């Protein structure tokens, strides 16, 4: 097939497609989300000692002050 023949076939297909789609009746659907970004009520903060122990057990590195040392992901660099 020559390039000119391919172009003619493509134009023919597009024209038939646009005629067919022009006859299609579309119905739009809208979704309403009333509870978007729902937050829980604020309460008094709690200092849970067991949380810190569990977090320290799961971390790889801790500095001398007891803070976690996190590494930047290789995909970020």
Protein backbone atom coordinates (compact mmCIF):
# COMPACT_ATOMS: atom_id res chain seq x y z
CA UNK A 1 0.00 0.00 0.00
CA UNK A 2 1.24 3.44 -0.80
CA UNK A 3 1.20 6.22 1.70
CA UNK A 4 -1.47 8.07 -0.26
CA UNK A 5 -3.72 4.99 -0.26
CA UNK A 6 -3.26 4.57 3.52
CA UNK A 7 -4.16 8.24 4.05
CA UNK A 8 -7.34 7.87 1.95
CA UNK A 9 -8.37 4.73 3.88
CA UNK A 10 -7.74 6.48 7.23
CA UNK A 11 -9.83 9.49 6.21
CA UNK A 12 -12.63 7.18 5.09
CA UNK A 13 -12.58 5.29 8.41
CA UNK A 14 -12.58 8.53 10.42
CA UNK A 15 -15.48 9.93 8.41
CA UNK A 16 -17.56 6.77 8.94
CA UNK A 17 -16.71 6.78 12.62
CA UNK A 18 -17.74 10.41 13.09
CA UNK A 19 -21.05 9.77 11.29
CA UNK A 20 -21.73 6.74 13.49
CA UNK A 21 -20.83 8.56 16.70
CA UNK A 22 -23.03 11.48 15.71
CA UNK A 23 -26.05 9.18 15.98
CA UNK A 24 -25.20 7.87 19.45
CA UNK A 25 -27.17 9.35 22.31
CA UNK A 26 -25.09 9.79 25.43
CA UNK A 27 -26.33 10.14 28.96
CA UNK A 28 -24.07 11.81 31.49
CA UNK A 29 -23.89 10.57 35.06
CA UNK A 30 -22.81 12.77 37.94
CA UNK A 31 -21.74 11.46 41.32
CA UNK A 32 -22.04 13.66 44.38
CA UNK A 33 -19.86 12.85 47.35
CA UNK A 34 -21.19 14.60 50.40
CA UNK A 35 -18.69 13.12 52.83
CA UNK A 36 -15.52 14.27 51.13
CA UNK A 37 -12.56 14.80 53.47
CA UNK A 38 -14.38 13.78 56.62
CA UNK A 39 -12.28 14.37 59.72
CA UNK A 40 -12.77 12.92 63.15
CA UNK A 41 -13.42 15.23 66.07
CA UNK A 42 -10.34 16.55 67.79
CA UNK A 43 -9.74 15.24 71.25
CA UNK A 44 -7.03 15.66 73.79
CA UNK A 45 -3.71 14.30 72.51
CA UNK A 46 -2.43 11.14 74.15
CA UNK A 47 1.20 10.24 74.70
CA UNK A 48 1.32 6.49 74.23
CA UNK A 49 4.65 5.04 75.33
CA UNK A 50 4.00 1.69 73.63
CA UNK A 51 3.73 3.43 70.23
CA UNK A 52 7.25 4.84 70.55
CA UNK A 53 8.62 1.43 71.58
CA UNK A 54 7.01 -0.26 68.57
CA UNK A 55 8.19 2.45 66.19
CA UNK A 56 11.75 2.22 67.49
CA UNK A 57 11.67 -1.55 66.99
CA UNK A 58 10.65 -1.13 63.34
CA UNK A 59 13.12 1.59 62.33
CA UNK A 60 16.51 0.83 60.80
CA UNK A 61 18.52 3.76 62.13
CA UNK A 62 18.25 5.99 65.21
CA UNK A 63 20.51 8.93 66.02
CA UNK A 64 22.05 9.68 69.41
CA UNK A 65 19.04 11.82 70.43
CA UNK A 66 16.58 8.99 69.75
CA UNK A 67 15.15 10.35 66.48
CA UNK A 68 14.46 8.19 63.44
CA UNK A 69 16.82 8.48 60.48
CA UNK A 70 14.97 8.07 57.21
CA UNK A 71 16.53 7.58 53.80
CA UNK A 72 15.33 9.23 50.62
CA UNK A 73 13.87 6.74 48.19
CA UNK A 74 16.02 5.98 45.16
CA UNK A 75 13.10 6.88 42.86
CA UNK A 76 13.14 10.46 44.19
CA UNK A 77 16.72 11.17 43.21
